[in-house]
């Protein structure tokens, strides 16, 4: 495992946990949750997020941008999605499914995510990962979501210095 891969895994775990913790806290107050949470609006033609909102992780698509919230290593169920034209922490740049079957275990899923997301990095960014100032992470199935049919790895890209970016990182060549 490289330092960059470890940092990506750590950042992903922190992102996932923070969002889940916030979701758990708000789910106890369903009335409050219905007032605070709102789905992001999408452009009817392009399907890009046009108005910020809370997106269920299963509704995220390649091209969606979202922000992190806090830190934790718990599972996430939603993220604050924003238009990519606004400052954001992450952009979904590639997705793929793991082969069906019994739950392969976290180590196997993380190895598949590392390989798949790394392979898609240079074609998306237009620059090699080893030289880039960008890093990647992923949203991946848990044992519980696997039991519900979740097989998707969603690769995300972000600035390695954890600063926010504005606009897509497609073809950023940096």
C-alpha atoms as a PDB file:
ATOM      1  CA  UNK A   1       0.000   0.000   0.000  1.00  0.00           C
ATOM      2  CA  UNK A   2       1.372   3.386  -0.942  1.00  0.00           C
ATOM      3  CA  UNK A   3       1.075   6.434   1.251  1.00  0.00           C
ATOM      4  CA  UNK A   4      -1.298   8.031  -1.270  1.00  0.00           C
ATOM      5  CA  UNK A   5      -3.501   4.938  -1.285  1.00  0.00           C
ATOM      6  CA  UNK A   6      -3.509   4.845   2.504  1.00  0.00           C
ATOM      7  CA  UNK A   7      -4.387   8.549   2.628  1.00  0.00           C
ATOM      8  CA  UNK A   8      -7.216   7.992   0.155  1.00  0.00           C
ATOM      9  CA  UNK A   9      -8.589   5.111   2.206  1.00  0.00           C
ATOM     10  CA  UNK A  10      -8.302   7.094   5.421  1.00  0.00           C
ATOM     11  CA  UNK A  11      -9.988  10.141   3.887  1.00  0.00           C
ATOM     12  CA  UNK A  12     -12.775   7.985   2.447  1.00  0.00           C
ATOM     13  CA  UNK A  13     -13.333   6.271   5.787  1.00  0.00           C
ATOM     14  CA  UNK A  14     -13.396   9.639   7.545  1.00  0.00           C
ATOM     15  CA  UNK A  15     -15.854  11.034   4.994  1.00  0.00           C
ATOM     16  CA  UNK A  16     -18.081   7.986   5.169  1.00  0.00           C
ATOM     17  CA  UNK A  17     -18.146   7.943   8.943  1.00  0.00           C
ATOM     18  CA  UNK A  18     -18.892  11.597   9.393  1.00  0.00           C
ATOM     19  CA  UNK A  19     -21.832  11.542   7.090  1.00  0.00           C
ATOM     20  CA  UNK A  20     -23.257   8.415   8.719  1.00  0.00           C
ATOM     21  CA  UNK A  21     -22.877   9.904  12.181  1.00  0.00           C
ATOM     22  CA  UNK A  22     -24.763  13.021  11.100  1.00  0.00           C
ATOM     23  CA  UNK A  23     -27.434  10.883   9.462  1.00  0.00           C
ATOM     24  CA  UNK A  24     -27.889   8.756  12.582  1.00  0.00           C
ATOM     25  CA  UNK A  25     -28.220  11.851  14.751  1.00  0.00           C
ATOM     26  CA  UNK A  26     -30.810  13.393  12.459  1.00  0.00           C
ATOM     27  CA  UNK A  27     -32.752  10.183  11.844  1.00  0.00           C
ATOM     28  CA  UNK A  28     -33.884  10.189  15.458  1.00  0.00           C
ATOM     29  CA  UNK A  29     -35.764  13.403  14.751  1.00  0.00           C
ATOM     30  CA  UNK A  30     -37.747  12.577  11.628  1.00  0.00           C
ATOM     31  CA  UNK A  31     -39.603  15.881  11.676  1.00  0.00           C
ATOM     32  CA  UNK A  32     -36.331  17.790  11.858  1.00  0.00           C
ATOM     33  CA  UNK A  33     -34.842  15.550   9.188  1.00  0.00           C
ATOM     34  CA  UNK A  34     -37.681  16.306   6.783  1.00  0.00           C
ATOM     35  CA  UNK A  35     -37.122  20.035   7.283  1.00  0.00           C
ATOM     36  CA  UNK A  36     -33.315  19.951   6.924  1.00  0.00           C
ATOM     37  CA  UNK A  37     -32.713  17.253   4.306  1.00  0.00           C
ATOM     38  CA  UNK A  38     -33.562  17.994   0.701  1.00  0.00           C
ATOM     39  CA  UNK A  39     -32.644  16.072  -2.402  1.00  0.00           C
ATOM     40  CA  UNK A  40     -30.369  17.928  -4.788  1.00  0.00           C
ATOM     41  CA  UNK A  41     -32.126  19.253  -7.857  1.00  0.00           C
ATOM     42  CA  UNK A  42     -30.909  18.020 -11.236  1.00  0.00           C
ATOM     43  CA  UNK A  43     -31.018  19.785 -14.574  1.00  0.00           C
ATOM     44  CA  UNK A  44     -33.773  18.026 -16.533  1.00  0.00           C
ATOM     45  CA  UNK A  45     -31.637  17.805 -19.696  1.00  0.00           C
ATOM     46  CA  UNK A  46     -28.115  17.078 -18.426  1.00  0.00           C
ATOM     47  CA  UNK A  47     -29.072  15.453 -15.108  1.00  0.00           C
ATOM     48  CA  UNK A  48     -26.236  17.413 -13.446  1.00  0.00           C
ATOM     49  CA  UNK A  49     -26.831  18.641  -9.902  1.00  0.00           C
ATOM     50  CA  UNK A  50     -28.131  22.206 -10.322  1.00  0.00           C
ATOM     51  CA  UNK A  51     -29.174  22.952  -6.708  1.00  0.00           C
ATOM     52  CA  UNK A  52     -27.392  21.676  -3.605  1.00  0.00           C
ATOM     53  CA  UNK A  53     -29.084  19.099  -1.425  1.00  0.00           C
ATOM     54  CA  UNK A  54     -28.531  15.900   0.506  1.00  0.00           C
ATOM     55  CA  UNK A  55     -28.016  12.981  -1.881  1.00  0.00           C
ATOM     56  CA  UNK A  56     -28.510   9.364  -0.930  1.00  0.00           C
ATOM     57  CA  UNK A  57     -25.190   7.628  -1.729  1.00  0.00           C
ATOM     58  CA  UNK A  58     -27.050   5.170  -3.957  1.00  0.00           C
ATOM     59  CA  UNK A  59     -28.271   8.079  -6.108  1.00  0.00           C
ATOM     60  CA  UNK A  60     -24.789   9.531  -6.739  1.00  0.00           C
ATOM     61  CA  UNK A  61     -23.667   9.402 -10.359  1.00  0.00           C
ATOM     62  CA  UNK A  62     -20.409   9.860 -12.191  1.00  0.00           C
ATOM     63  CA  UNK A  63     -20.024  13.620 -12.593  1.00  0.00           C
ATOM     64  CA  UNK A  64     -21.659  14.490  -9.254  1.00  0.00           C
ATOM     65  CA  UNK A  65     -19.764  16.703  -6.819  1.00  0.00           C
ATOM     66  CA  UNK A  66     -20.181  16.664  -3.045  1.00  0.00           C
ATOM     67  CA  UNK A  67     -18.647  17.870   0.192  1.00  0.00           C
ATOM     68  CA  UNK A  68     -17.268  16.105   3.248  1.00  0.00           C
ATOM     69  CA  UNK A  69     -18.663  16.729   6.685  1.00  0.00           C
ATOM     70  CA  UNK A  70     -16.612  16.171   9.856  1.00  0.00           C
ATOM     71  CA  UNK A  71     -14.662  13.007  10.533  1.00  0.00           C
ATOM     72  CA  UNK A  72     -15.439   9.423  11.534  1.00  0.00           C
ATOM     73  CA  UNK A  73     -14.989   5.892  10.240  1.00  0.00           C
ATOM     74  CA  UNK A  74     -18.646   4.870  10.134  1.00  0.00           C
ATOM     75  CA  UNK A  75     -20.749   4.032   7.100  1.00  0.00           C
ATOM     76  CA  UNK A  76     -22.474   6.807   5.169  1.00  0.00           C
ATOM     77  CA  UNK A  77     -25.919   6.900   3.674  1.00  0.00           C
ATOM     78  CA  UNK A  78     -25.995  10.430   2.241  1.00  0.00           C
ATOM     79  CA  UNK A  79     -23.694  13.272   1.235  1.00  0.00           C
ATOM     80  CA  UNK A  80     -24.125  17.020   0.694  1.00  0.00           C
ATOM     81  CA  UNK A  81     -24.223  17.201  -3.122  1.00  0.00           C
ATOM     82  CA  UNK A  82     -23.483  20.521  -4.829  1.00  0.00           C
ATOM     83  CA  UNK A  83     -23.200  21.735  -8.407  1.00  0.00           C
ATOM     84  CA  UNK A  84     -19.633  21.181  -9.607  1.00  0.00           C
ATOM     85  CA  UNK A  85     -19.473  24.888 -10.468  1.00  0.00           C
ATOM     86  CA  UNK A  86     -19.473  25.586  -6.707  1.00  0.00           C
ATOM     87  CA  UNK A  87     -16.511  24.840  -4.389  1.00  0.00           C
ATOM     88  CA  UNK A  88     -16.555  21.169  -3.405  1.00  0.00           C
ATOM     89  CA  UNK A  89     -14.405  18.447  -1.852  1.00  0.00           C
ATOM     90  CA  UNK A  90     -15.059  15.475  -4.158  1.00  0.00           C
ATOM     91  CA  UNK A  91     -16.186  14.578  -7.666  1.00  0.00           C
ATOM     92  CA  UNK A  92     -17.386  11.120  -8.701  1.00  0.00           C
ATOM     93  CA  UNK A  93     -15.335  10.231 -11.789  1.00  0.00           C
ATOM     94  CA  UNK A  94     -15.821   6.512 -12.452  1.00  0.00           C
ATOM     95  CA  UNK A  95     -17.956   3.630 -11.308  1.00  0.00           C
ATOM     96  CA  UNK A  96     -17.848  -0.103 -11.732  1.00  0.00           C
ATOM     97  CA  UNK A  97     -19.458  -3.172 -10.224  1.00  0.00           C
ATOM     98  CA  UNK A  98     -17.781  -6.018  -8.386  1.00  0.00           C
ATOM     99  CA  UNK A  99     -18.746  -9.513  -9.541  1.00  0.00           C
ATOM    100  CA  UNK A 100     -21.801 -10.961  -7.872  1.00  0.00           C
ATOM    101  CA  UNK A 101     -21.497 -13.748  -5.317  1.00  0.00           C
ATOM    102  CA  UNK A 102     -20.826 -14.018  -1.603  1.00  0.00           C
ATOM    103  CA  UNK A 103     -19.546 -10.914   0.156  1.00  0.00           C
ATOM    104  CA  UNK A 104     -15.815 -10.944  -0.682  1.00  0.00           C
ATOM    105  CA  UNK A 105     -14.716  -9.107   2.472  1.00  0.00           C
ATOM    106  CA  UNK A 106     -13.499  -5.571   3.023  1.00  0.00           C
ATOM    107  CA  UNK A 107      -9.874  -6.277   2.025  1.00  0.00           C
ATOM    108  CA  UNK A 108     -10.931  -7.714  -1.327  1.00  0.00           C
ATOM    109  CA  UNK A 109     -13.326  -4.847  -1.996  1.00  0.00           C
ATOM    110  CA  UNK A 110     -10.678  -2.249  -1.114  1.00  0.00           C
ATOM    111  CA  UNK A 111      -8.132  -3.965  -3.382  1.00  0.00           C
ATOM    112  CA  UNK A 112     -10.651  -3.956  -6.251  1.00  0.00           C
ATOM    113  CA  UNK A 113     -11.468  -0.299  -5.572  1.00  0.00           C
ATOM    114  CA  UNK A 114      -7.775   0.688  -5.532  1.00  0.00           C
ATOM    115  CA  UNK A 115      -7.133  -1.100  -8.827  1.00  0.00           C
ATOM    116  CA  UNK A 116     -10.258   0.093 -10.647  1.00  0.00           C
ATOM    117  CA  UNK A 117     -10.062   3.701  -9.493  1.00  0.00           C
ATOM    118  CA  UNK A 118      -6.327   3.939 -10.208  1.00  0.00           C
ATOM    119  CA  UNK A 119      -6.825   2.530 -13.710  1.00  0.00           C
ATOM    120  CA  UNK A 120      -9.503   5.159 -14.444  1.00  0.00           C
ATOM    121  CA  UNK A 121      -7.552   8.060 -12.877  1.00  0.00           C
ATOM    122  CA  UNK A 122      -5.184   9.008 -15.726  1.00  0.00           C
ATOM    123  CA  UNK A 123      -7.802   8.763 -18.507  1.00  0.00           C
ATOM    124  CA  UNK A 124     -10.081  11.061 -16.468  1.00  0.00           C
ATOM    125  CA  UNK A 125      -7.491  13.605 -15.305  1.00  0.00           C
ATOM    126  CA  UNK A 126      -5.201  13.463 -18.328  1.00  0.00           C
ATOM    127  CA  UNK A 127      -2.180  13.159 -16.053  1.00  0.00           C
ATOM    128  CA  UNK A 128      -0.462  10.268 -14.277  1.00  0.00           C
ATOM    129  CA  UNK A 129      -1.485   9.526 -10.700  1.00  0.00           C
ATOM    130  CA  UNK A 130       2.089   9.382  -9.358  1.00  0.00           C
ATOM    131  CA  UNK A 131       2.790  12.942 -10.544  1.00  0.00           C
ATOM    132  CA  UNK A 132      -0.629  14.397  -9.805  1.00  0.00           C
ATOM    133  CA  UNK A 133      -1.618  16.841  -7.073  1.00  0.00           C
ATOM    134  CA  UNK A 134      -4.965  15.052  -7.054  1.00  0.00           C
ATOM    135  CA  UNK A 135      -5.876  11.903  -5.178  1.00  0.00           C
ATOM    136  CA  UNK A 136      -8.718   9.422  -5.276  1.00  0.00           C
ATOM    137  CA  UNK A 137     -10.999   7.647  -2.870  1.00  0.00           C
ATOM    138  CA  UNK A 138     -14.161   5.634  -3.266  1.00  0.00           C
ATOM    139  CA  UNK A 139     -17.554   4.772  -1.907  1.00  0.00           C
ATOM    140  CA  UNK A 140     -17.897   1.016  -1.697  1.00  0.00           C
ATOM    141  CA  UNK A 141     -20.327  -1.716  -0.579  1.00  0.00           C
ATOM    142  CA  UNK A 142     -20.503  -2.793   3.032  1.00  0.00           C
ATOM    143  CA  UNK A 143     -21.537  -6.267   4.058  1.00  0.00           C
ATOM    144  CA  UNK A 144     -25.026  -4.927   4.833  1.00  0.00           C
ATOM    145  CA  UNK A 145     -25.427  -3.090   1.511  1.00  0.00           C
ATOM    146  CA  UNK A 146     -23.998  -6.139  -0.319  1.00  0.00           C
ATOM    147  CA  UNK A 147     -26.853  -8.205   1.115  1.00  0.00           C
ATOM    148  CA  UNK A 148     -29.227  -5.666  -0.492  1.00  0.00           C
ATOM    149  CA  UNK A 149     -27.560  -6.076  -3.904  1.00  0.00           C
ATOM    150  CA  UNK A 150     -25.007  -3.230  -3.785  1.00  0.00           C
ATOM    151  CA  UNK A 151     -21.991  -4.089  -5.960  1.00  0.00           C
ATOM    152  CA  UNK A 152     -20.929  -0.602  -7.074  1.00  0.00           C
ATOM    153  CA  UNK A 153     -17.591   1.057  -6.429  1.00  0.00           C
ATOM    154  CA  UNK A 154     -17.895   4.821  -7.000  1.00  0.00           C
ATOM    155  CA  UNK A 155     -14.482   6.410  -7.543  1.00  0.00           C
ATOM    156  CA  UNK A 156     -14.053   9.965  -6.318  1.00  0.00           C
ATOM    157  CA  UNK A 157     -11.313  12.491  -6.970  1.00  0.00           C
ATOM    158  CA  UNK A 158     -10.175  15.371  -4.801  1.00  0.00           C
ATOM    159  CA  UNK A 159      -7.237  17.738  -4.204  1.00  0.00           C
ATOM    160  CA  UNK A 160      -4.529  15.870  -2.283  1.00  0.00           C
ATOM    161  CA  UNK A 161      -4.031  18.911  -0.032  1.00  0.00           C
ATOM    162  CA  UNK A 162      -7.763  18.611   0.844  1.00  0.00           C
ATOM    163  CA  UNK A 163      -8.541  22.083  -0.490  1.00  0.00           C
ATOM    164  CA  UNK A 164     -11.838  22.571  -2.257  1.00  0.00           C
ATOM    165  CA  UNK A 165     -11.957  22.774  -6.043  1.00  0.00           C
ATOM    166  CA  UNK A 166     -14.389  24.534  -8.334  1.00  0.00           C
ATOM    167  CA  UNK A 167     -15.453  22.962 -11.613  1.00  0.00           C
ATOM    168  CA  UNK A 168     -14.848  19.470 -12.859  1.00  0.00           C
ATOM    169  CA  UNK A 169     -11.435  17.835 -12.615  1.00  0.00           C
ATOM    170  CA  UNK A 170     -11.979  16.036 -15.935  1.00  0.00           C
ATOM    171  CA  UNK A 171      -8.949  16.797 -18.077  1.00  0.00           C
ATOM    172  CA  UNK A 172      -7.387  18.932 -15.321  1.00  0.00           C
ATOM    173  CA  UNK A 173      -3.931  17.535 -16.251  1.00  0.00           C
ATOM    174  CA  UNK A 174      -2.438  18.275 -12.856  1.00  0.00           C
END
